[in-house]
Amino acid sequence: MTLSFTIQRAGQAAQDEPLFVFGSLMDMDLLAVVLGDCQHLRHVAAVLPGYRRCCVEDEVFPIVVQDDISTVDGLLVHGLTARDLDRILFFEGPAYALLPCEVDHLDSDRRRRTPARAFFATALLSPRPQSWDYAYWQAQEKPLALHIAAETMALYGSVAASDLSGALWDGIKARAVARLSTGEGIRCAA
């Protein structure tokens, strides 16, 4: 009951506020695996002030942590439907909470502060001190992330997002590593 209420409220936010993404969801290939289609979306470069992006212990995706002197580059995504946001909520699972924030972006050559929503880490994730680098992720870790995303999204509608942890998550990652090592293609289920 609580999960559906959260999704319903998040669906409302999809129509009112854009989503700020700062990690693997900035990659349009990965976003297409999660959504099934992302051609209807618009996005602009944006910055989240007062945070820094860092690696997560034993994972290929980042989190942001408060840091008054830092900023996090990302994308401000417009045009998400309630279905899109429901799929992203499932993909992010219990490790993230969708919360309001304010980001800066250029609008007609003027910097503008805009209300948005972003996924912030829950206590399930532990930051490492290293900064997470998007270019490195694309070059080195994206193939694994695409396999993980494809298997995760194949479960959409058949398991609860809150179940995407523990043994289930470990199994998803292990199978993704195995498929990647054998050169198997990515199987997407939209």
C-alpha atoms as a PDB file:
ATOM      1  CA  MET A   1       0.000   0.000   0.000  1.00  0.00           C
ATOM      2  CA  THR A   2       2.764   2.461   0.901  1.00  0.00           C
ATOM      3  CA  LEU A   3       4.724   1.671  -2.284  1.00  0.00           C
ATOM      4  CA  SER A   4       1.762   2.384  -4.562  1.00  0.00           C
ATOM      5  CA  PHE A   5       1.083   5.662  -2.729  1.00  0.00           C
ATOM      6  CA  THR A   6       4.715   6.669  -3.198  1.00  0.00           C
ATOM      7  CA  ILE A   7       4.574   5.800  -6.876  1.00  0.00           C
ATOM      8  CA  GLN A   8       1.326   7.710  -7.322  1.00  0.00           C
ATOM      9  CA  ARG A   9       2.837  10.808  -5.702  1.00  0.00           C
ATOM     10  CA  ALA A  10       5.991  10.396  -7.773  1.00  0.00           C
ATOM     11  CA  GLY A  11       3.817  10.077 -10.892  1.00  0.00           C
ATOM     12  CA  GLN A  12       2.255  13.430 -10.044  1.00  0.00           C
ATOM     13  CA  ALA A  13       5.746  14.902  -9.700  1.00  0.00           C
ATOM     14  CA  ALA A  14       6.596  13.566 -13.157  1.00  0.00           C
ATOM     15  CA  GLN A  15       4.115  15.986 -14.647  1.00  0.00           C
ATOM     16  CA  ASP A  16       5.093  18.940 -12.454  1.00  0.00           C
ATOM     17  CA  GLU A  17       8.832  18.719 -11.918  1.00  0.00           C
ATOM     18  CA  PRO A  18      11.701  17.411 -14.025  1.00  0.00           C
ATOM     19  CA  LEU A  19      13.997  14.649 -12.822  1.00  0.00           C
ATOM     20  CA  PHE A  20      17.671  15.411 -12.197  1.00  0.00           C
ATOM     21  CA  VAL A  21      19.868  12.424 -13.072  1.00  0.00           C
ATOM     22  CA  PHE A  22      23.557  12.351 -12.200  1.00  0.00           C
ATOM     23  CA  GLY A  23      24.771   8.804 -12.820  1.00  0.00           C
ATOM     24  CA  SER A  24      24.122   5.928 -15.175  1.00  0.00           C
ATOM     25  CA  LEU A  25      20.659   7.277 -16.089  1.00  0.00           C
ATOM     26  CA  MET A  26      22.421  10.117 -17.944  1.00  0.00           C
ATOM     27  CA  ASP A  27      23.298   7.497 -20.549  1.00  0.00           C
ATOM     28  CA  MET A  28      20.519   7.354 -23.160  1.00  0.00           C
ATOM     29  CA  ASP A  29      21.214   3.676 -23.935  1.00  0.00           C
ATOM     30  CA  LEU A  30      20.711   2.722 -20.305  1.00  0.00           C
ATOM     31  CA  LEU A  31      17.695   5.008 -19.960  1.00  0.00           C
ATOM     32  CA  ALA A  32      16.154   3.308 -23.010  1.00  0.00           C
ATOM     33  CA  VAL A  33      16.646  -0.107 -21.360  1.00  0.00           C
ATOM     34  CA  VAL A  34      14.896   1.164 -18.230  1.00  0.00           C
ATOM     35  CA  LEU A  35      12.031   2.947 -20.004  1.00  0.00           C
ATOM     36  CA  GLY A  36      11.721   0.878 -23.168  1.00  0.00           C
ATOM     37  CA  ASP A  37      11.686   4.164 -25.093  1.00  0.00           C
ATOM     38  CA  CYS A  38      13.045   7.595 -24.249  1.00  0.00           C
ATOM     39  CA  GLN A  39      12.503   9.438 -27.547  1.00  0.00           C
ATOM     40  CA  HIS A  40       9.739  11.583 -26.006  1.00  0.00           C
ATOM     41  CA  LEU A  41      12.031  13.047 -23.341  1.00  0.00           C
ATOM     42  CA  ARG A  42      13.839  16.375 -23.398  1.00  0.00           C
ATOM     43  CA  HIS A  43      16.938  16.993 -21.348  1.00  0.00           C
ATOM     44  CA  VAL A  44      19.317  19.830 -20.601  1.00  0.00           C
ATOM     45  CA  ALA A  45      22.596  19.972 -18.726  1.00  0.00           C
ATOM     46  CA  ALA A  46      22.147  20.938 -15.077  1.00  0.00           C
ATOM     47  CA  VAL A  47      24.147  21.175 -11.862  1.00  0.00           C
ATOM     48  CA  LEU A  48      23.190  20.118  -8.337  1.00  0.00           C
ATOM     49  CA  PRO A  49      24.900  22.539  -5.919  1.00  0.00           C
ATOM     50  CA  GLY A  50      26.077  21.499  -2.464  1.00  0.00           C
ATOM     51  CA  TYR A  51      26.771  17.855  -3.321  1.00  0.00           C
ATOM     52  CA  ARG A  52      29.542  15.702  -4.719  1.00  0.00           C
ATOM     53  CA  ARG A  53      29.198  12.463  -6.677  1.00  0.00           C
ATOM     54  CA  CYS A  54      31.067   9.443  -5.366  1.00  0.00           C
ATOM     55  CA  CYS A  55      31.403   5.738  -6.011  1.00  0.00           C
ATOM     56  CA  VAL A  56      29.352   3.180  -4.108  1.00  0.00           C
ATOM     57  CA  GLU A  57      30.981   0.246  -2.369  1.00  0.00           C
ATOM     58  CA  ASP A  58      30.874  -2.840  -4.682  1.00  0.00           C
ATOM     59  CA  GLU A  59      28.669  -1.200  -7.353  1.00  0.00           C
ATOM     60  CA  VAL A  60      29.019   0.473 -10.777  1.00  0.00           C
ATOM     61  CA  PHE A  61      26.668   3.373 -10.020  1.00  0.00           C
ATOM     62  CA  PRO A  62      27.136   6.546  -7.955  1.00  0.00           C
ATOM     63  CA  ILE A  63      25.452   8.390  -5.134  1.00  0.00           C
ATOM     64  CA  VAL A  64      25.630  12.038  -4.145  1.00  0.00           C
ATOM     65  CA  VAL A  65      26.672  13.177  -0.688  1.00  0.00           C
ATOM     66  CA  GLN A  66      26.377  16.636   0.788  1.00  0.00           C
ATOM     67  CA  ASP A  67      29.436  18.833   0.315  1.00  0.00           C
ATOM     68  CA  ASP A  68      28.901  22.588   0.516  1.00  0.00           C
ATOM     69  CA  ILE A  69      31.783  23.462  -1.811  1.00  0.00           C
ATOM     70  CA  SER A  70      31.024  20.963  -4.591  1.00  0.00           C
ATOM     71  CA  THR A  71      28.565  20.564  -7.438  1.00  0.00           C
ATOM     72  CA  VAL A  72      27.363  17.574  -9.417  1.00  0.00           C
ATOM     73  CA  ASP A  73      26.903  17.746 -13.191  1.00  0.00           C
ATOM     74  CA  GLY A  74      23.937  15.905 -14.601  1.00  0.00           C
ATOM     75  CA  LEU A  75      20.855  16.165 -16.778  1.00  0.00           C
ATOM     76  CA  LEU A  76      17.481  17.700 -16.083  1.00  0.00           C
ATOM     77  CA  VAL A  77      14.986  15.358 -17.750  1.00  0.00           C
ATOM     78  CA  HIS A  78      11.594  16.719 -18.845  1.00  0.00           C
ATOM     79  CA  GLY A  79       8.585  14.871 -20.214  1.00  0.00           C
ATOM     80  CA  LEU A  80       8.561  11.778 -18.010  1.00  0.00           C
ATOM     81  CA  THR A  81       5.196  10.066 -17.869  1.00  0.00           C
ATOM     82  CA  ALA A  82       3.826   8.391 -14.735  1.00  0.00           C
ATOM     83  CA  ARG A  83       4.728   5.038 -16.351  1.00  0.00           C
ATOM     84  CA  ASP A  84       8.297   6.248 -16.987  1.00  0.00           C
ATOM     85  CA  LEU A  85       8.716   7.306 -13.395  1.00  0.00           C
ATOM     86  CA  ASP A  86       7.217   4.057 -12.138  1.00  0.00           C
ATOM     87  CA  ARG A  87       9.811   2.133 -14.174  1.00  0.00           C
ATOM     88  CA  ILE A  88      12.650   4.349 -12.885  1.00  0.00           C
ATOM     89  CA  LEU A  89      11.433   3.900  -9.292  1.00  0.00           C
ATOM     90  CA  PHE A  90      11.534   0.137  -9.849  1.00  0.00           C
ATOM     91  CA  PHE A  91      15.008   0.307 -11.410  1.00  0.00           C
ATOM     92  CA  GLU A  92      16.407   2.413  -8.561  1.00  0.00           C
ATOM     93  CA  GLY A  93      14.870   0.009  -6.037  1.00  0.00           C
ATOM     94  CA  PRO A  94      15.117   0.357  -2.273  1.00  0.00           C
ATOM     95  CA  ALA A  95      18.627   1.841  -2.398  1.00  0.00           C
ATOM     96  CA  TYR A  96      17.354   5.284  -3.443  1.00  0.00           C
ATOM     97  CA  ALA A  97      14.605   7.664  -2.376  1.00  0.00           C
ATOM     98  CA  LEU A  98      13.046  10.187  -4.774  1.00  0.00           C
ATOM     99  CA  LEU A  99      13.323  13.583  -3.082  1.00  0.00           C
ATOM    100  CA  PRO A 100      12.914  17.238  -4.043  1.00  0.00           C
ATOM    101  CA  CYS A 101      15.986  19.326  -4.828  1.00  0.00           C
ATOM    102  CA  GLU A 102      16.958  22.467  -6.696  1.00  0.00           C
ATOM    103  CA  VAL A 103      19.326  22.458  -9.662  1.00  0.00           C
ATOM    104  CA  ASP A 104      20.921  25.145 -11.788  1.00  0.00           C
ATOM    105  CA  HIS A 105      20.749  25.135 -15.571  1.00  0.00           C
ATOM    106  CA  LEU A 106      21.148  27.551 -18.448  1.00  0.00           C
ATOM    107  CA  ASP A 107      17.930  29.015 -19.808  1.00  0.00           C
ATOM    108  CA  SER A 108      18.380  31.460 -22.700  1.00  0.00           C
ATOM    109  CA  ASP A 109      22.001  32.069 -21.646  1.00  0.00           C
ATOM    110  CA  ARG A 110      20.983  32.799 -18.037  1.00  0.00           C
ATOM    111  CA  ARG A 111      21.682  30.502 -15.112  1.00  0.00           C
ATOM    112  CA  ARG A 112      18.366  29.541 -13.560  1.00  0.00           C
ATOM    113  CA  ARG A 113      17.546  27.622 -10.366  1.00  0.00           C
ATOM    114  CA  THR A 114      14.796  25.063 -10.933  1.00  0.00           C
ATOM    115  CA  PRO A 115      12.890  22.759  -8.577  1.00  0.00           C
ATOM    116  CA  ALA A 116      13.372  19.113  -9.519  1.00  0.00           C
ATOM    117  CA  ARG A 117      13.404  15.627  -8.046  1.00  0.00           C
ATOM    118  CA  ALA A 118      16.427  13.370  -7.756  1.00  0.00           C
ATOM    119  CA  PHE A 119      17.263   9.959  -6.350  1.00  0.00           C
ATOM    120  CA  PHE A 120      19.243  10.211  -3.121  1.00  0.00           C
ATOM    121  CA  ALA A 121      20.839   7.171  -1.477  1.00  0.00           C
ATOM    122  CA  THR A 122      19.226   5.421   1.444  1.00  0.00           C
ATOM    123  CA  ALA A 123      21.203   3.764   4.229  1.00  0.00           C
ATOM    124  CA  LEU A 124      21.515   0.647   2.025  1.00  0.00           C
ATOM    125  CA  LEU A 125      24.396   2.243   0.095  1.00  0.00           C
ATOM    126  CA  SER A 126      27.848   3.065   1.432  1.00  0.00           C
ATOM    127  CA  PRO A 127      29.918   5.731  -0.327  1.00  0.00           C
ATOM    128  CA  ARG A 128      33.566   5.255  -1.165  1.00  0.00           C
ATOM    129  CA  PRO A 129      35.836   8.296  -1.003  1.00  0.00           C
ATOM    130  CA  GLN A 130      36.563   8.157  -4.756  1.00  0.00           C
ATOM    131  CA  SER A 131      34.666  10.410  -7.131  1.00  0.00           C
ATOM    132  CA  TRP A 132      32.499   8.620  -9.702  1.00  0.00           C
ATOM    133  CA  ASP A 133      33.512   9.508 -13.250  1.00  0.00           C
ATOM    134  CA  TYR A 134      30.869   9.340 -15.985  1.00  0.00           C
ATOM    135  CA  ALA A 135      33.381   9.049 -18.860  1.00  0.00           C
ATOM    136  CA  TYR A 136      35.154   6.175 -17.091  1.00  0.00           C
ATOM    137  CA  TRP A 137      31.794   4.504 -16.406  1.00  0.00           C
ATOM    138  CA  GLN A 138      30.834   4.745 -20.096  1.00  0.00           C
ATOM    139  CA  ALA A 139      34.178   3.329 -21.245  1.00  0.00           C
ATOM    140  CA  GLN A 140      34.610   0.583 -18.634  1.00  0.00           C
ATOM    141  CA  GLU A 141      31.408  -0.223 -16.754  1.00  0.00           C
ATOM    142  CA  LYS A 142      28.524   0.594 -19.091  1.00  0.00           C
ATOM    143  CA  PRO A 143      28.339  -2.884 -20.692  1.00  0.00           C
ATOM    144  CA  LEU A 144      27.908  -4.516 -17.278  1.00  0.00           C
ATOM    145  CA  ALA A 145      25.400  -1.868 -16.229  1.00  0.00           C
ATOM    146  CA  LEU A 146      23.335  -2.495 -19.385  1.00  0.00           C
ATOM    147  CA  HIS A 147      23.192  -6.229 -18.624  1.00  0.00           C
ATOM    148  CA  ILE A 148      22.186  -5.512 -15.015  1.00  0.00           C
ATOM    149  CA  ALA A 149      19.524  -3.038 -16.156  1.00  0.00           C
ATOM    150  CA  ALA A 150      18.103  -5.456 -18.730  1.00  0.00           C
ATOM    151  CA  GLU A 151      17.688  -8.256 -16.195  1.00  0.00           C
ATOM    152  CA  THR A 152      16.352  -5.887 -13.551  1.00  0.00           C
ATOM    153  CA  MET A 153      13.743  -4.454 -15.910  1.00  0.00           C
ATOM    154  CA  ALA A 154      12.737  -7.948 -17.067  1.00  0.00           C
ATOM    155  CA  LEU A 155      11.458  -8.364 -13.487  1.00  0.00           C
ATOM    156  CA  TYR A 156       9.330  -5.200 -13.672  1.00  0.00           C
ATOM    157  CA  GLY A 157       5.753  -6.048 -12.804  1.00  0.00           C
ATOM    158  CA  SER A 158       6.597  -9.471 -11.367  1.00  0.00           C
ATOM    159  CA  VAL A 159       8.489  -8.515  -8.187  1.00  0.00           C
ATOM    160  CA  ALA A 160       8.282  -5.524  -5.880  1.00  0.00           C
ATOM    161  CA  ALA A 161      10.979  -2.872  -6.146  1.00  0.00           C
ATOM    162  CA  SER A 162      11.657  -3.388  -2.435  1.00  0.00           C
ATOM    163  CA  ASP A 163      12.774  -6.959  -3.264  1.00  0.00           C
ATOM    164  CA  LEU A 164      15.631  -5.755  -5.496  1.00  0.00           C
ATOM    165  CA  SER A 165      18.252  -6.292  -2.818  1.00  0.00           C
ATOM    166  CA  GLY A 166      20.080  -9.079  -1.047  1.00  0.00           C
ATOM    167  CA  ALA A 167      20.244 -12.442  -2.810  1.00  0.00           C
ATOM    168  CA  LEU A 168      18.081 -11.312  -5.744  1.00  0.00           C
ATOM    169  CA  TRP A 169      20.359  -8.324  -6.461  1.00  0.00           C
ATOM    170  CA  ASP A 170      23.496 -10.437  -6.018  1.00  0.00           C
ATOM    171  CA  GLY A 171      22.109 -12.993  -8.497  1.00  0.00           C
ATOM    172  CA  ILE A 172      21.268 -10.299 -11.055  1.00  0.00           C
ATOM    173  CA  LYS A 173      24.824  -8.948 -10.862  1.00  0.00           C
ATOM    174  CA  ALA A 174      26.422 -12.416 -11.026  1.00  0.00           C
ATOM    175  CA  ARG A 175      24.403 -13.397 -14.114  1.00  0.00           C
ATOM    176  CA  ALA A 176      25.223 -10.050 -15.761  1.00  0.00           C
ATOM    177  CA  VAL A 177      28.943 -10.617 -15.180  1.00  0.00           C
ATOM    178  CA  ALA A 178      28.639 -14.143 -16.618  1.00  0.00           C
ATOM    179  CA  ARG A 179      26.730 -12.944 -19.722  1.00  0.00           C
ATOM    180  CA  LEU A 180      29.240 -10.175 -20.287  1.00  0.00           C
ATOM    181  CA  SER A 181      32.200 -12.561 -19.990  1.00  0.00           C
ATOM    182  CA  THR A 182      30.688 -14.898 -22.607  1.00  0.00           C
ATOM    183  CA  GLY A 183      29.894 -12.041 -24.987  1.00  0.00           C
ATOM    184  CA  GLU A 184      26.152 -12.678 -24.791  1.00  0.00           C
ATOM    185  CA  GLY A 185      24.008  -9.816 -26.036  1.00  0.00           C
ATOM    186  CA  ILE A 186      21.698  -7.774 -23.880  1.00  0.00           C
ATOM    187  CA  ARG A 187      18.152  -9.074 -23.610  1.00  0.00           C
ATOM    188  CA  CYS A 188      15.707  -6.225 -23.094  1.00  0.00           C
ATOM    189  CA  ALA A 189      12.111  -6.675 -22.017  1.00  0.00           C
ATOM    190  CA  ALA A 190      10.199  -3.409 -22.301  1.00  0.00           C
END
